[in-house]
Protein backbone atom coordinates (compact mmCIF):
# COMPACT_ATOMS: atom_id res chain seq x y z
CA UNK A 1 -171.94 97.32 80.73
CA UNK A 2 -172.95 93.97 79.21
CA UNK A 3 -172.65 90.71 81.10
CA UNK A 4 -170.23 88.28 79.44
CA UNK A 5 -171.76 85.09 78.08
CA UNK A 6 -171.17 81.95 80.16
CA UNK A 7 -168.33 79.76 78.98
CA UNK A 8 -169.41 76.72 76.92
CA UNK A 9 -166.63 74.25 77.59
CA UNK A 10 -167.69 71.74 74.94
CA UNK A 11 -166.83 74.32 72.27
CA UNK A 12 -163.20 73.78 73.23
CA UNK A 13 -163.25 69.97 72.86
CA UNK A 14 -163.22 68.02 69.62
CA UNK A 15 -164.25 64.86 71.47
CA UNK A 16 -166.25 64.80 74.69
CA UNK A 17 -165.82 62.78 77.86
CA UNK A 18 -165.15 59.05 77.71
CA UNK A 19 -166.11 59.02 74.02
CA UNK A 20 -162.56 60.33 73.51
CA UNK A 21 -161.11 56.97 74.58
CA UNK A 22 -159.35 54.77 72.08
CA UNK A 23 -161.56 51.77 71.20
CA UNK A 24 -160.85 48.31 72.57
CA UNK A 25 -159.59 46.91 69.27
CA UNK A 26 -156.84 49.56 69.41
CA UNK A 27 -155.95 49.11 73.08
CA UNK A 28 -156.19 45.37 73.72
CA UNK A 29 -153.37 44.36 71.34
CA UNK A 30 -151.14 47.00 72.94
CA UNK A 31 -151.84 45.69 76.44
CA UNK A 32 -151.23 42.14 75.25
CA UNK A 33 -147.74 43.11 74.14
CA UNK A 34 -146.64 44.48 77.50
CA UNK A 35 -144.23 42.49 79.69
CA UNK A 36 -145.93 40.19 82.17
CA UNK A 37 -146.12 41.53 85.74
CA UNK A 38 -144.32 39.13 88.09
CA UNK A 39 -144.65 40.95 91.44
CA UNK A 40 -146.77 38.59 93.59
CA UNK A 41 -148.28 41.55 95.43
CA UNK A 42 -149.98 42.75 92.24
CA UNK A 43 -153.44 41.26 92.65
CA UNK A 44 -154.91 43.00 89.59
CA UNK A 45 -152.88 44.45 86.74
CA UNK A 46 -153.58 45.21 83.10
CA UNK A 47 -153.91 41.60 81.90
CA UNK A 48 -157.72 41.44 82.20
CA UNK A 49 -158.48 45.07 81.18
CA UNK A 50 -159.94 45.75 84.60
CA UNK A 51 -161.08 49.09 86.01
CA UNK A 52 -158.17 49.65 88.40
CA UNK A 53 -154.96 48.09 89.65
CA UNK A 54 -154.81 46.42 93.07
CA UNK A 55 -151.60 46.08 95.08
CA UNK A 56 -151.42 44.02 98.27
CA UNK A 57 -149.69 45.70 101.21
CA UNK A 58 -150.51 43.15 103.91
CA UNK A 59 -152.79 40.20 104.61
CA UNK A 60 -155.67 42.56 105.38
CA UNK A 61 -154.95 45.63 103.23
CA UNK A 62 -154.56 46.31 99.52
CA UNK A 63 -154.47 49.57 97.59
CA UNK A 64 -156.75 50.22 94.61
CA UNK A 65 -155.15 52.64 92.14
CA UNK A 66 -156.62 54.25 89.04
CA UNK A 67 -156.48 57.31 86.85
CA UNK A 68 -159.19 58.73 84.61
CA UNK A 69 -159.37 62.03 82.71
CA UNK A 70 -161.01 63.48 79.62
CA UNK A 71 -162.09 66.56 77.71
CA UNK A 72 -165.32 68.42 78.64
CA UNK A 73 -168.53 66.40 78.42
CA UNK A 74 -170.74 69.36 79.49
CA UNK A 75 -170.59 73.12 79.16
CA UNK A 76 -170.54 74.39 82.76
CA UNK A 77 -167.05 74.14 84.32
CA UNK A 78 -168.35 73.20 87.78
CA UNK A 79 -170.42 70.34 86.34
CA UNK A 80 -167.41 69.15 84.36
CA UNK A 81 -165.39 68.90 87.57
CA UNK A 82 -168.18 67.06 89.38
CA UNK A 83 -168.65 64.49 86.60
CA UNK A 84 -164.93 63.93 86.07
CA UNK A 85 -164.47 63.26 89.79
CA UNK A 86 -167.45 60.90 90.00
CA UNK A 87 -166.16 59.05 86.94
CA UNK A 88 -162.65 58.56 88.35
CA UNK A 89 -163.91 57.49 91.78
CA UNK A 90 -166.13 54.91 90.10
CA UNK A 91 -163.11 52.79 89.13
CA UNK A 92 -162.37 52.19 92.80
CA UNK A 93 -165.99 51.37 93.60
CA UNK A 94 -165.94 48.91 90.69
CA UNK A 95 -163.23 46.93 92.50
CA UNK A 96 -165.25 46.94 95.76
CA UNK A 97 -162.80 49.47 97.18
CA UNK A 98 -163.21 52.60 99.28
CA UNK A 99 -161.44 55.67 97.82
CA UNK A 100 -159.68 57.98 100.27
CA UNK A 101 -157.22 60.22 98.38
CA UNK A 102 -156.79 61.69 94.92
CA UNK A 103 -154.54 63.88 92.76
CA UNK A 104 -155.81 66.22 90.04
CA UNK A 105 -154.73 65.84 86.41
CA UNK A 106 -155.14 69.09 84.47
CA UNK A 107 -154.54 70.22 80.93
CA UNK A 108 -155.65 73.81 80.43
CA UNK A 109 -155.59 76.24 77.47
CA UNK A 110 -154.73 79.41 79.38
CA UNK A 111 -154.56 81.43 76.16
CA UNK A 112 -158.29 80.95 75.51
CA UNK A 113 -159.82 80.35 78.96
CA UNK A 114 -159.44 82.34 82.17
CA UNK A 115 -158.09 80.96 85.47
CA UNK A 116 -161.60 81.36 86.92
CA UNK A 117 -162.81 78.57 84.63
CA UNK A 118 -160.19 76.19 85.99
CA UNK A 119 -161.06 77.25 89.53
CA UNK A 120 -164.69 76.24 88.93
CA UNK A 121 -163.64 72.86 87.54
CA UNK A 122 -161.48 72.22 90.60
CA UNK A 123 -164.25 73.35 92.96
CA UNK A 124 -166.72 70.94 91.35
CA UNK A 125 -164.27 68.07 91.69
CA UNK A 126 -163.52 68.94 95.31
CA UNK A 127 -167.23 69.01 96.15
CA UNK A 128 -167.88 65.57 94.63
CA UNK A 129 -164.74 64.10 96.18
CA UNK A 130 -165.80 65.54 99.54
CA UNK A 131 -169.18 63.84 99.19
CA UNK A 132 -167.27 60.57 98.77
CA UNK A 133 -165.05 61.24 101.79
CA UNK A 134 -162.01 61.71 99.55
CA UNK A 135 -159.32 64.37 99.88
CA UNK A 136 -157.78 65.85 96.73
CA UNK A 137 -154.30 66.46 98.02
CA UNK A 138 -152.33 67.66 95.00
CA UNK A 139 -151.97 67.25 91.27
CA UNK A 140 -150.24 68.32 88.10
CA UNK A 141 -151.09 70.83 85.37
CA UNK A 142 -149.88 71.35 81.82
CA UNK A 143 -150.75 73.77 79.01
CA UNK A 144 -152.92 72.08 76.39
CA UNK A 145 -155.01 72.95 73.33
CA UNK A 146 -158.18 71.54 74.94
CA UNK A 147 -159.33 71.48 78.57
CA UNK A 148 -158.54 68.13 80.20
CA UNK A 149 -159.44 67.13 83.73
CA UNK A 150 -159.53 64.03 85.87
CA UNK A 151 -158.17 62.36 88.96
CA UNK A 152 -155.66 59.73 89.99
CA UNK A 153 -157.40 57.97 92.87
CA UNK A 154 -156.22 55.65 95.63
CA UNK A 155 -158.56 53.43 97.62
CA UNK A 156 -158.38 50.60 100.10
CA UNK A 157 -159.83 47.10 99.98
CA UNK A 158 -159.31 43.81 101.81
CA UNK A 159 -157.32 41.48 99.54
CA UNK A 160 -160.02 38.83 99.86
CA UNK A 161 -162.77 41.30 98.97
CA UNK A 162 -161.54 42.50 95.58
CA UNK A 163 -164.11 42.24 92.79
CA UNK A 164 -162.71 42.06 89.27
CA UNK A 165 -163.85 41.34 85.71
CA UNK A 166 -163.22 37.65 86.34
CA UNK A 167 -165.44 35.37 88.42
CA UNK A 168 -168.70 35.26 86.44
CA UNK A 169 -170.36 31.83 86.32
CA UNK A 170 -173.00 30.35 84.02
CA UNK A 171 -176.47 31.13 85.38
CA UNK A 172 -175.43 34.36 87.11
CA UNK A 173 -177.55 37.48 86.68
CA UNK A 174 -176.36 40.78 85.19
CA UNK A 175 -177.54 43.90 87.03
CA UNK A 176 -177.02 47.47 85.76
CA UNK A 177 -177.35 50.44 88.11
CA UNK A 178 -177.65 53.52 85.83
CA UNK A 179 -179.48 54.16 82.56
CA UNK A 180 -177.60 54.34 79.28
CA UNK A 181 -177.54 57.26 76.87
CA UNK A 182 -175.22 59.90 78.31
CA UNK A 183 -172.91 59.82 75.28
CA UNK A 184 -175.78 60.38 72.87
CA UNK A 185 -177.46 63.10 74.94
CA UNK A 186 -174.26 65.06 75.54
CA UNK A 187 -173.49 64.84 71.82
CA UNK A 188 -176.93 66.27 71.07
CA UNK A 189 -176.31 69.12 73.50
CA UNK A 190 -172.84 69.83 72.07
CA UNK A 191 -174.35 70.05 68.56
CA UNK A 192 -177.24 72.26 69.70
CA UNK A 193 -179.72 69.44 68.92
CA UNK A 194 -180.98 68.61 72.42
CA UNK A 195 -184.53 69.74 71.62
CA UNK A 196 -185.92 67.57 74.44
CA UNK A 197 -183.80 69.37 77.03
CA UNK A 198 -182.34 66.09 78.31
CA UNK A 199 -178.90 67.39 79.26
CA UNK A 200 -179.88 68.16 82.86
CA UNK A 201 -181.07 64.58 83.39
CA UNK A 202 -177.83 63.29 81.89
CA UNK A 203 -175.79 65.53 84.20
CA UNK A 204 -177.71 64.20 87.21
CA UNK A 205 -177.02 60.60 86.13
CA UNK A 206 -173.33 61.23 85.45
CA UNK A 207 -172.85 63.15 88.71
CA UNK A 208 -174.14 60.34 90.94
CA UNK A 209 -171.56 58.34 92.87
CA UNK A 210 -171.48 54.57 92.50
CA UNK A 211 -170.65 54.16 96.20
CA UNK A 212 -174.01 52.76 97.35
CA UNK A 213 -174.33 50.59 94.25
CA UNK A 214 -170.95 49.01 94.95
CA UNK A 215 -171.85 48.30 98.56
CA UNK A 216 -175.22 46.77 97.67
CA UNK A 217 -173.93 44.59 94.85
CA UNK A 218 -171.03 43.32 96.96
CA UNK A 219 -173.47 42.60 99.78
CA UNK A 220 -175.63 40.60 97.36
CA UNK A 221 -172.72 38.28 96.62
CA UNK A 222 -171.41 39.83 93.40
CA UNK A 223 -168.82 37.60 91.75
CA UNK A 224 -167.65 40.19 89.18
CA UNK A 225 -168.05 43.94 88.90
CA UNK A 226 -167.19 46.70 86.43
CA UNK A 227 -168.34 50.20 85.64
CA UNK A 228 -169.83 51.17 82.30
CA UNK A 229 -167.91 54.03 80.71
CA UNK A 230 -166.27 54.72 77.37
CA UNK A 231 -166.47 51.21 75.89
CA UNK A 232 -170.25 51.12 76.39
CA UNK A 233 -172.30 48.44 78.11
CA UNK A 234 -171.37 45.72 75.63
CA UNK A 235 -167.70 46.66 75.57
CA UNK A 236 -167.36 46.40 79.33
CA UNK A 237 -169.37 43.17 79.32
CA UNK A 238 -166.89 41.84 76.76
CA UNK A 239 -164.14 42.31 79.34
CA UNK A 240 -166.15 40.26 81.84
CA UNK A 241 -166.87 37.35 79.50
CA UNK A 242 -163.27 37.28 78.29
CA UNK A 243 -161.76 37.36 81.78
CA UNK A 244 -164.29 34.85 83.15
CA UNK A 245 -164.23 32.53 80.10
CA UNK A 246 -168.01 32.58 79.73
CA UNK A 247 -170.63 33.97 77.36
CA UNK A 248 -173.59 36.24 78.09
CA UNK A 249 -177.05 37.20 76.93
CA UNK A 250 -178.43 40.75 77.16
CA UNK A 251 -182.18 41.38 77.00
CA UNK A 252 -182.21 44.70 75.19
CA UNK A 253 -185.72 45.71 76.31
CA UNK A 254 -184.72 45.35 79.93
CA UNK A 255 -181.77 47.72 79.71
CA UNK A 256 -182.64 51.09 81.30
CA UNK A 257 -182.16 53.96 78.85
CA UNK A 258 -182.77 57.69 79.11
CA UNK A 259 -185.76 58.19 76.82
CA UNK A 260 -184.29 61.16 74.94
CA UNK A 261 -181.23 59.12 74.02
CA UNK A 262 -183.43 56.55 72.27
CA UNK A 263 -185.09 59.26 70.19
CA UNK A 264 -181.78 60.90 69.29
CA UNK A 265 -180.24 57.54 68.33
CA UNK A 266 -183.13 56.92 65.94
CA UNK A 267 -182.31 60.10 64.02
CA UNK A 268 -178.55 59.55 63.99
CA UNK A 269 -177.37 61.89 66.77
CA UNK A 270 -174.63 59.56 68.00
CA UNK A 271 -170.99 60.22 69.02
CA UNK A 272 -168.15 58.79 66.99
CA UNK A 273 -166.93 56.81 70.00
CA UNK A 274 -170.21 54.90 70.07
CA UNK A 275 -169.88 53.92 66.41
CA UNK A 276 -166.26 52.88 67.08
CA UNK A 277 -167.41 50.69 69.97
CA UNK A 278 -169.91 48.85 67.78
CA UNK A 279 -167.28 48.26 65.09
CA UNK A 280 -164.81 46.90 67.62
CA UNK A 281 -167.41 44.42 68.93
CA UNK A 282 -168.34 43.00 65.53
CA UNK A 283 -166.62 39.68 66.16
CA UNK A 284 -167.92 39.30 69.72
CA UNK A 285 -171.55 40.44 69.81
CA UNK A 286 -174.41 38.79 67.91
CA UNK A 287 -177.53 40.96 67.67
CA UNK A 288 -180.90 39.31 67.18
CA UNK A 289 -182.94 40.30 64.11
CA UNK A 290 -185.39 42.18 66.33
CA UNK A 291 -182.68 44.48 67.78
CA UNK A 292 -182.70 47.53 65.55
CA UNK A 293 -179.87 49.90 64.71
CA UNK A 294 -180.79 52.45 67.39
CA UNK A 295 -180.85 49.78 70.11
CA UNK A 296 -177.49 48.45 69.00
CA UNK A 297 -175.98 51.93 69.24
CA UNK A 298 -177.50 52.52 72.69
CA UNK A 299 -175.95 49.30 73.99
CA UNK A 300 -172.59 50.44 72.58
CA UNK A 301 -172.98 54.09 73.62
CA UNK A 302 -169.80 55.56 75.09
CA UNK A 303 -170.86 56.42 78.63
CA UNK A 304 -169.20 58.88 80.96
CA UNK A 305 -169.56 58.14 84.68
CA UNK A 306 -172.03 55.36 83.95
CA UNK A 307 -173.40 52.79 86.35
CA UNK A 308 -171.97 49.56 87.68
CA UNK A 309 -172.53 46.25 85.94
CA UNK A 310 -172.64 43.51 88.53
CA UNK A 311 -172.59 39.74 88.10
CA UNK A 312 -174.30 37.99 91.00
CA UNK A 313 -176.16 34.78 91.81
CA UNK A 314 -179.50 34.82 90.01
CA UNK A 315 -181.45 34.19 93.21
CA UNK A 316 -180.07 37.44 94.67
CA UNK A 317 -180.85 39.69 91.69
CA UNK A 318 -184.40 40.76 92.63
CA UNK A 319 -183.35 41.64 96.17
CA UNK A 320 -180.34 43.58 94.90
CA UNK A 321 -182.47 45.59 92.45
CA UNK A 322 -184.96 46.45 95.21
CA UNK A 323 -182.15 47.58 97.52
CA UNK A 324 -180.54 49.62 94.75
CA UNK A 325 -183.79 51.43 94.02
CA UNK A 326 -184.37 52.11 97.71
CA UNK A 327 -180.89 53.62 97.84
CA UNK A 328 -181.76 56.03 95.02
CA UNK A 329 -180.41 54.24 91.93
CA UNK A 330 -183.80 54.54 90.27
CA UNK A 331 -182.96 52.84 87.00
CA UNK A 332 -181.39 49.64 88.36
CA UNK A 333 -182.48 46.48 86.55
CA UNK A 334 -181.58 42.88 85.84
CA UNK A 335 -180.63 42.98 82.17
CA UNK A 336 -179.30 39.54 81.26
CA UNK A 337 -177.57 36.33 82.25
CA UNK A 338 -174.18 34.70 82.09
CA UNK A 339 -174.32 31.62 79.86
CA UNK A 340 -172.03 28.74 78.97
CA UNK A 341 -168.39 28.46 79.89
CA UNK A 342 -165.71 28.96 77.31
CA UNK A 343 -167.70 30.68 74.57
CA UNK A 344 -166.57 34.27 75.11
CA UNK A 345 -169.39 35.86 73.09
CA UNK A 346 -172.40 38.07 73.78
CA UNK A 347 -175.88 37.55 72.37
CA UNK A 348 -178.42 40.39 72.39
CA UNK A 349 -182.13 39.66 72.14
CA UNK A 350 -185.32 41.39 73.22
CA UNK A 351 -186.62 40.82 76.74
CA UNK A 352 -190.04 41.00 78.32
CA UNK A 353 -190.47 44.71 79.02
CA UNK A 354 -189.18 48.15 78.12
CA UNK A 355 -186.68 50.10 80.18
CA UNK A 356 -186.85 53.75 79.19
CA UNK A 357 -186.20 56.29 81.92
CA UNK A 358 -187.37 59.89 81.93
CA UNK A 359 -190.26 59.45 79.52
């Protein structure tokens, strides 16, 4: 009797992970047309395109609330559950919150996949949530044409300790805590073009919690914080400069990148979501003449469960990077600076040293 082949989940998804998100130039006008929120207990809503909502319950307690879900980014169901959970929990860490409870969001094609596949997805999510000290206490399922999984997460934070997209000041440092390239590498794997075998490294990066990174950046005096996911590094930085009414410079050579992703980008193995991100940033980002096409795409790459991007006083950046690396975030780096007030743009130039990871 032959052994059945393992399920390859990405075969069931037309778009993978956070690359399936609508681009910012589609979403931002929609958000701008919503009625203004007038409840004074809403500390963070949708107005600044932040990572999560924050609702004040008392003088010393606020809830952080978020939801995040997507189609399979990897083939193994267990890994998909792990990454989806880490990605959803990251929104709470990006607000300097501590997640404590979650609900599952499931779309499942039961005509083409067996219940055992869904069980593995749920087990992976439960294991990652358990690592974070979070209980998954319920959820909702629907039939769908593609597998969909994610979490709605609730966390807690002191109202005075919330970190948002706003708050960046000229002269502040930008620190990134995970390497870029997961969108490109997972696209290569989905197409059968991952000849460097980089998918396992990408899974390790995407599976890592941002819990320690959040704690360290907050402890270093972070003034603004976000996580880098489907809009890419530059897309999420755009939210910071817009909300803070500042501009920014990125030193492209200082941005940590998984080495395989750079090679794949050079030969055009790039997800559609990454190209959409670059198009949507055309009026905001100015690339220097020495920043080639592959580097531009890497900086716009649609990440899934990426790192945190912290804005902190420049004199605390070196210490923060050292602490992050000691805590296991091996690719942490200072990658740029916040510039003048009121400009709202991003300039990308080459820095002083390379930042490839995994070479």
